[in-house]
C-alpha atoms as a PDB file:
ATOM      1  CA  MET A   1       0.000   0.000   0.000  1.00  0.00           C
ATOM      2  CA  GLU A   2       1.348   3.391  -0.963  1.00  0.00           C
ATOM      3  CA  ARG A   3       1.453   6.235   1.568  1.00  0.00           C
ATOM      4  CA  ASP A   4       0.021   9.642   0.897  1.00  0.00           C
ATOM      5  CA  ILE A   5       2.218  12.722   1.264  1.00  0.00           C
ATOM      6  CA  ILE A   6       1.143  13.423   4.868  1.00  0.00           C
ATOM      7  CA  GLU A   7       1.860   9.858   5.982  1.00  0.00           C
ATOM      8  CA  GLU A   8       5.216   9.981   4.219  1.00  0.00           C
ATOM      9  CA  MET A   9       6.175  13.257   5.914  1.00  0.00           C
ATOM     10  CA  PHE A  10       5.156  11.857   9.313  1.00  0.00           C
ATOM     11  CA  ALA A  11       7.102   8.634   8.734  1.00  0.00           C
ATOM     12  CA  GLU A  12      10.211  10.574   7.818  1.00  0.00           C
ATOM     13  CA  ARG A  13       9.985  12.719  10.961  1.00  0.00           C
ATOM     14  CA  VAL A  14       9.126   9.982  13.441  1.00  0.00           C
ATOM     15  CA  CYS A  15      11.855   7.618  12.188  1.00  0.00           C
ATOM     16  CA  ASN A  16      14.569  10.208  11.641  1.00  0.00           C
ATOM     17  CA  PRO A  17      16.993  10.305  14.575  1.00  0.00           C
ATOM     18  CA  LEU A  18      18.384  13.635  13.359  1.00  0.00           C
ATOM     19  CA  GLU A  19      14.949  15.265  13.692  1.00  0.00           C
ATOM     20  CA  TRP A  20      14.685  14.038  17.273  1.00  0.00           C
ATOM     21  CA  PHE A  21      18.245  15.177  18.002  1.00  0.00           C
ATOM     22  CA  LYS A  22      17.792  18.650  16.498  1.00  0.00           C
ATOM     23  CA  HIS A  23      14.723  19.141  18.659  1.00  0.00           C
ATOM     24  CA  SER A  24      16.663  17.910  21.696  1.00  0.00           C
ATOM     25  CA  ARG A  25      19.447  20.397  21.005  1.00  0.00           C
ATOM     26  CA  SER A  26      16.963  23.274  20.611  1.00  0.00           C
ATOM     27  CA  LEU A  27      15.330  22.396  23.924  1.00  0.00           C
ATOM     28  CA  LEU A  28      18.759  22.251  25.559  1.00  0.00           C
ATOM     29  CA  ALA A  29      19.500  25.775  24.309  1.00  0.00           C
ATOM     30  CA  ALA A  30      16.171  26.987  25.718  1.00  0.00           C
ATOM     31  CA  ALA A  31      16.920  25.297  29.063  1.00  0.00           C
ATOM     32  CA  ARG A  32      20.310  26.975  29.265  1.00  0.00           C
ATOM     33  CA  SER A  33      18.848  30.409  28.458  1.00  0.00           C
ATOM     34  CA  THR A  34      16.103  29.964  31.028  1.00  0.00           C
ATOM     35  CA  ARG A  35      18.603  28.821  33.640  1.00  0.00           C
ATOM     36  CA  GLU A  36      20.795  31.865  32.970  1.00  0.00           C
ATOM     37  CA  ARG A  37      17.779  34.162  33.301  1.00  0.00           C
ATOM     38  CA  ALA A  38      16.794  32.552  36.624  1.00  0.00           C
ATOM     39  CA  ASP A  39      20.296  33.216  37.957  1.00  0.00           C
ATOM     40  CA  VAL A  40      19.844  36.999  37.662  1.00  0.00           C
ATOM     41  CA  LEU A  41      16.387  37.259  39.234  1.00  0.00           C
ATOM     42  CA  ILE A  42      16.102  38.753  42.690  1.00  0.00           C
ATOM     43  CA  ASP A  43      12.505  37.729  43.441  1.00  0.00           C
ATOM     44  CA  VAL A  44      12.865  34.354  45.148  1.00  0.00           C
ATOM     45  CA  LEU A  45       9.476  32.987  44.033  1.00  0.00           C
ATOM     46  CA  GLU A  46       9.937  33.985  40.399  1.00  0.00           C
ATOM     47  CA  LYS A  47      13.478  32.583  40.433  1.00  0.00           C
ATOM     48  CA  SER A  48      12.189  29.296  41.840  1.00  0.00           C
ATOM     49  CA  ASP A  49       9.462  29.037  39.210  1.00  0.00           C
ATOM     50  CA  LEU A  50      11.921  29.811  36.413  1.00  0.00           C
ATOM     51  CA  GLU A  51      14.351  27.192  37.748  1.00  0.00           C
ATOM     52  CA  ASN A  52      11.503  24.646  37.541  1.00  0.00           C
ATOM     53  CA  VAL A  53      10.859  25.697  33.942  1.00  0.00           C
ATOM     54  CA  ALA A  54      14.554  25.248  33.119  1.00  0.00           C
ATOM     55  CA  THR A  55      14.450  21.762  34.644  1.00  0.00           C
ATOM     56  CA  MET A  56      11.331  20.983  32.580  1.00  0.00           C
ATOM     57  CA  LEU A  57      13.160  22.024  29.411  1.00  0.00           C
ATOM     58  CA  TYR A  58      16.169  19.884  30.361  1.00  0.00           C
ATOM     59  CA  GLY A  59      13.761  16.964  30.799  1.00  0.00           C
ATOM     60  CA  PHE A  60      12.200  17.618  27.386  1.00  0.00           C
ATOM     61  CA  SER A  61      15.684  17.783  25.874  1.00  0.00           C
ATOM     62  CA  LEU A  62      16.725  14.435  27.336  1.00  0.00           C
ATOM     63  CA  GLU A  63      13.430  12.837  26.312  1.00  0.00           C
ATOM     64  CA  ASN A  64      14.087  13.843  22.714  1.00  0.00           C
ATOM     65  CA  LEU A  65      17.733  12.754  22.960  1.00  0.00           C
ATOM     66  CA  PHE A  66      16.787   9.302  24.230  1.00  0.00           C
ATOM     67  CA  LYS A  67      14.189   8.980  21.471  1.00  0.00           C
ATOM     68  CA  ALA A  68      16.839  10.076  18.949  1.00  0.00           C
ATOM     69  CA  ILE A  69      19.196   7.347  20.138  1.00  0.00           C
ATOM     70  CA  TRP A  70      16.430   4.741  20.058  1.00  0.00           C
ATOM     71  CA  THR A  71      15.383   5.712  16.507  1.00  0.00           C
ATOM     72  CA  LEU A  72      19.017   5.667  15.381  1.00  0.00           C
ATOM     73  CA  GLU A  73      19.369   2.117  16.703  1.00  0.00           C
ATOM     74  CA  LYS A  74      15.975   1.013  15.326  1.00  0.00           C
ATOM     75  CA  PHE A  75      15.933   2.681  11.897  1.00  0.00           C
ATOM     76  CA  GLY A  76      19.545   3.710  11.342  1.00  0.00           C
ATOM     77  CA  PRO A  77      20.785   6.993   9.888  1.00  0.00           C
ATOM     78  CA  PRO A  78      18.515   8.578   7.262  1.00  0.00           C
ATOM     79  CA  HIS A  79      21.284   8.986   4.682  1.00  0.00           C
ATOM     80  CA  LYS A  80      21.669   5.214   4.293  1.00  0.00           C
ATOM     81  CA  GLU A  81      20.148   3.786   1.142  1.00  0.00           C
ATOM     82  CA  SER A  82      18.570   0.985   3.188  1.00  0.00           C
ATOM     83  CA  TRP A  83      16.739   3.448   5.494  1.00  0.00           C
ATOM     84  CA  GLU A  84      13.089   2.429   5.836  1.00  0.00           C
ATOM     85  CA  THR A  85      10.425   4.320   7.725  1.00  0.00           C
ATOM     86  CA  VAL A  86       7.105   3.439   9.303  1.00  0.00           C
ATOM     87  CA  ALA A  87       4.089   5.743   9.362  1.00  0.00           C
ATOM     88  CA  SER A  88       3.122   5.054  12.966  1.00  0.00           C
ATOM     89  CA  PHE A  89       4.441   6.280  16.275  1.00  0.00           C
ATOM     90  CA  PRO A  90       6.516   3.493  17.866  1.00  0.00           C
ATOM     91  CA  PRO A  91       4.837   2.266  21.068  1.00  0.00           C
ATOM     92  CA  GLU A  92       8.243   2.180  22.794  1.00  0.00           C
ATOM     93  CA  LEU A  93       8.395   5.972  22.524  1.00  0.00           C
ATOM     94  CA  LYS A  94       4.913   6.669  23.905  1.00  0.00           C
ATOM     95  CA  THR A  95       6.206   7.737  27.302  1.00  0.00           C
ATOM     96  CA  HIS A  96       7.646  10.751  29.064  1.00  0.00           C
ATOM     97  CA  ASP A  97       9.264   8.556  31.749  1.00  0.00           C
ATOM     98  CA  LEU A  98      12.963   9.366  31.469  1.00  0.00           C
ATOM     99  CA  VAL A  99      13.997   6.390  33.607  1.00  0.00           C
ATOM    100  CA  LYS A 100      12.208   4.054  31.183  1.00  0.00           C
ATOM    101  CA  LEU A 101      13.597   5.822  28.109  1.00  0.00           C
ATOM    102  CA  ALA A 102      17.122   5.928  29.565  1.00  0.00           C
ATOM    103  CA  SER A 103      16.974   2.187  30.289  1.00  0.00           C
ATOM    104  CA  MET A 104      16.276   1.601  26.584  1.00  0.00           C
ATOM    105  CA  VAL A 105      19.473   3.517  25.810  1.00  0.00           C
ATOM    106  CA  ASP A 106      21.870   2.328  28.540  1.00  0.00           C
ATOM    107  CA  ALA A 107      21.133   0.516  31.813  1.00  0.00           C
ATOM    108  CA  ASP A 108      24.230   2.079  33.393  1.00  0.00           C
ATOM    109  CA  LEU A 109      22.763   5.518  32.747  1.00  0.00           C
ATOM    110  CA  VAL A 110      19.828   4.679  35.004  1.00  0.00           C
ATOM    111  CA  LYS A 111      22.106   3.303  37.716  1.00  0.00           C
ATOM    112  CA  GLU A 112      24.090   6.542  37.812  1.00  0.00           C
ATOM    113  CA  TYR A 113      21.294   9.092  37.358  1.00  0.00           C
ATOM    114  CA  GLU A 114      18.029   7.463  38.475  1.00  0.00           C
ATOM    115  CA  LEU A 115      17.090  10.173  40.994  1.00  0.00           C
ATOM    116  CA  SER A 116      17.835  13.019  38.571  1.00  0.00           C
ATOM    117  CA  LEU A 117      15.983  11.259  35.749  1.00  0.00           C
ATOM    118  CA  SER A 118      12.950  10.782  38.016  1.00  0.00           C
ATOM    119  CA  LEU A 119      12.961  14.440  39.040  1.00  0.00           C
ATOM    120  CA  LEU A 120      13.431  15.530  35.419  1.00  0.00           C
ATOM    121  CA  SER A 121      10.405  13.391  34.506  1.00  0.00           C
ATOM    122  CA  ASP A 122       8.387  15.121  37.228  1.00  0.00           C
ATOM    123  CA  ALA A 123       9.472  18.512  35.907  1.00  0.00           C
ATOM    124  CA  SER A 124       8.509  17.493  32.375  1.00  0.00           C
ATOM    125  CA  THR A 125       5.078  16.227  33.321  1.00  0.00           C
ATOM    126  CA  TRP A 126       4.010  18.724  35.967  1.00  0.00           C
ATOM    127  CA  SER A 127       6.406  20.644  38.236  1.00  0.00           C
ATOM    128  CA  GLY A 128       7.837  22.796  35.460  1.00  0.00           C
ATOM    129  CA  ARG A 129       4.393  23.517  33.996  1.00  0.00           C
ATOM    130  CA  TYR A 130       1.940  23.662  36.884  1.00  0.00           C
ATOM    131  CA  PRO A 131       1.904  24.643  40.573  1.00  0.00           C
ATOM    132  CA  CYS A 132       0.729  21.147  41.566  1.00  0.00           C
ATOM    133  CA  SER A 133       0.323  17.647  40.166  1.00  0.00           C
ATOM    134  CA  LEU A 134      -3.008  16.117  39.145  1.00  0.00           C
ATOM    135  CA  ARG A 135      -3.140  13.867  42.193  1.00  0.00           C
ATOM    136  CA  GLY A 136      -1.694  16.236  44.784  1.00  0.00           C
ATOM    137  CA  ASP A 137       0.618  13.555  46.143  1.00  0.00           C
ATOM    138  CA  GLU A 138       3.840  15.386  45.359  1.00  0.00           C
ATOM    139  CA  GLY A 139       4.607  16.574  48.872  1.00  0.00           C
ATOM    140  CA  THR A 140       7.471  19.047  48.989  1.00  0.00           C
ATOM    141  CA  ARG A 141       8.838  20.027  45.631  1.00  0.00           C
ATOM    142  CA  VAL A 142      12.549  19.497  45.223  1.00  0.00           C
ATOM    143  CA  ARG A 143      14.692  22.259  43.770  1.00  0.00           C
ATOM    144  CA  TRP A 144      18.137  20.875  43.278  1.00  0.00           C
ATOM    145  CA  PRO A 145      20.442  22.607  40.757  1.00  0.00           C
ATOM    146  CA  LYS A 146      22.474  19.400  40.401  1.00  0.00           C
ATOM    147  CA  ILE A 147      19.564  17.928  38.416  1.00  0.00           C
ATOM    148  CA  ASN A 148      20.232  20.417  35.619  1.00  0.00           C
ATOM    149  CA  ASP A 149      23.982  19.769  35.865  1.00  0.00           C
ATOM    150  CA  ASP A 150      23.262  16.048  35.514  1.00  0.00           C
ATOM    151  CA  ALA A 151      21.107  16.746  32.439  1.00  0.00           C
ATOM    152  CA  GLU A 152      24.018  18.667  30.898  1.00  0.00           C
ATOM    153  CA  ALA A 153      26.384  15.761  31.614  1.00  0.00           C
ATOM    154  CA  ILE A 154      23.968  13.197  30.160  1.00  0.00           C
ATOM    155  CA  PHE A 155      23.449  15.275  27.019  1.00  0.00           C
ATOM    156  CA  LYS A 156      27.194  15.692  26.532  1.00  0.00           C
ATOM    157  CA  ALA A 157      27.880  11.970  26.969  1.00  0.00           C
ATOM    158  CA  TYR A 158      24.993  10.631  24.883  1.00  0.00           C
ATOM    159  CA  SER A 159      24.856  13.140  22.018  1.00  0.00           C
ATOM    160  CA  LYS A 160      28.157  11.898  20.575  1.00  0.00           C
ATOM    161  CA  PRO A 161      26.592   9.589  17.930  1.00  0.00           C
ATOM    162  CA  PHE A 162      25.010  12.661  16.347  1.00  0.00           C
ATOM    163  CA  THR A 163      28.256  14.562  15.949  1.00  0.00           C
ATOM    164  CA  THR A 164      29.344  12.091  13.265  1.00  0.00           C
ATOM    165  CA  ILE A 165      26.085  12.009  11.254  1.00  0.00           C
ATOM    166  CA  SER A 166      25.348  14.685   8.729  1.00  0.00           C
END
């Protein structure tokens, strides 16, 4: 069965690791800018909220990075003649859980960064976007700058496959 143009465009985006990586890199740039802006704020509450937004953006960046790595392993680089796409969203990628996504990339990554990945997931799903979770079971929100430092370290270590693809 032949795909129509919309299906073909979707298949090329969803299966292209470079598309996922470019989006990850853009989100990383936004996280860094937001973090820098939070550092100059005097109002403690606004600074805290902006730090949560930066952490959310770091979480989004890592989510896209992990999905980029998974699609690279699953479909290969798009410049290969044998590159084949599918016009459906892979079920493996239908999650925002960074611990789960990281485990698909490297089990050692989870061992080293499980707490930070969990907190980044929280920031991505609620604490960077809203003042409370849906269930209200979050207790005290954690603001820990090391989480963002860990996100930077993870990005640096795991973005290397994309520096050799053009």
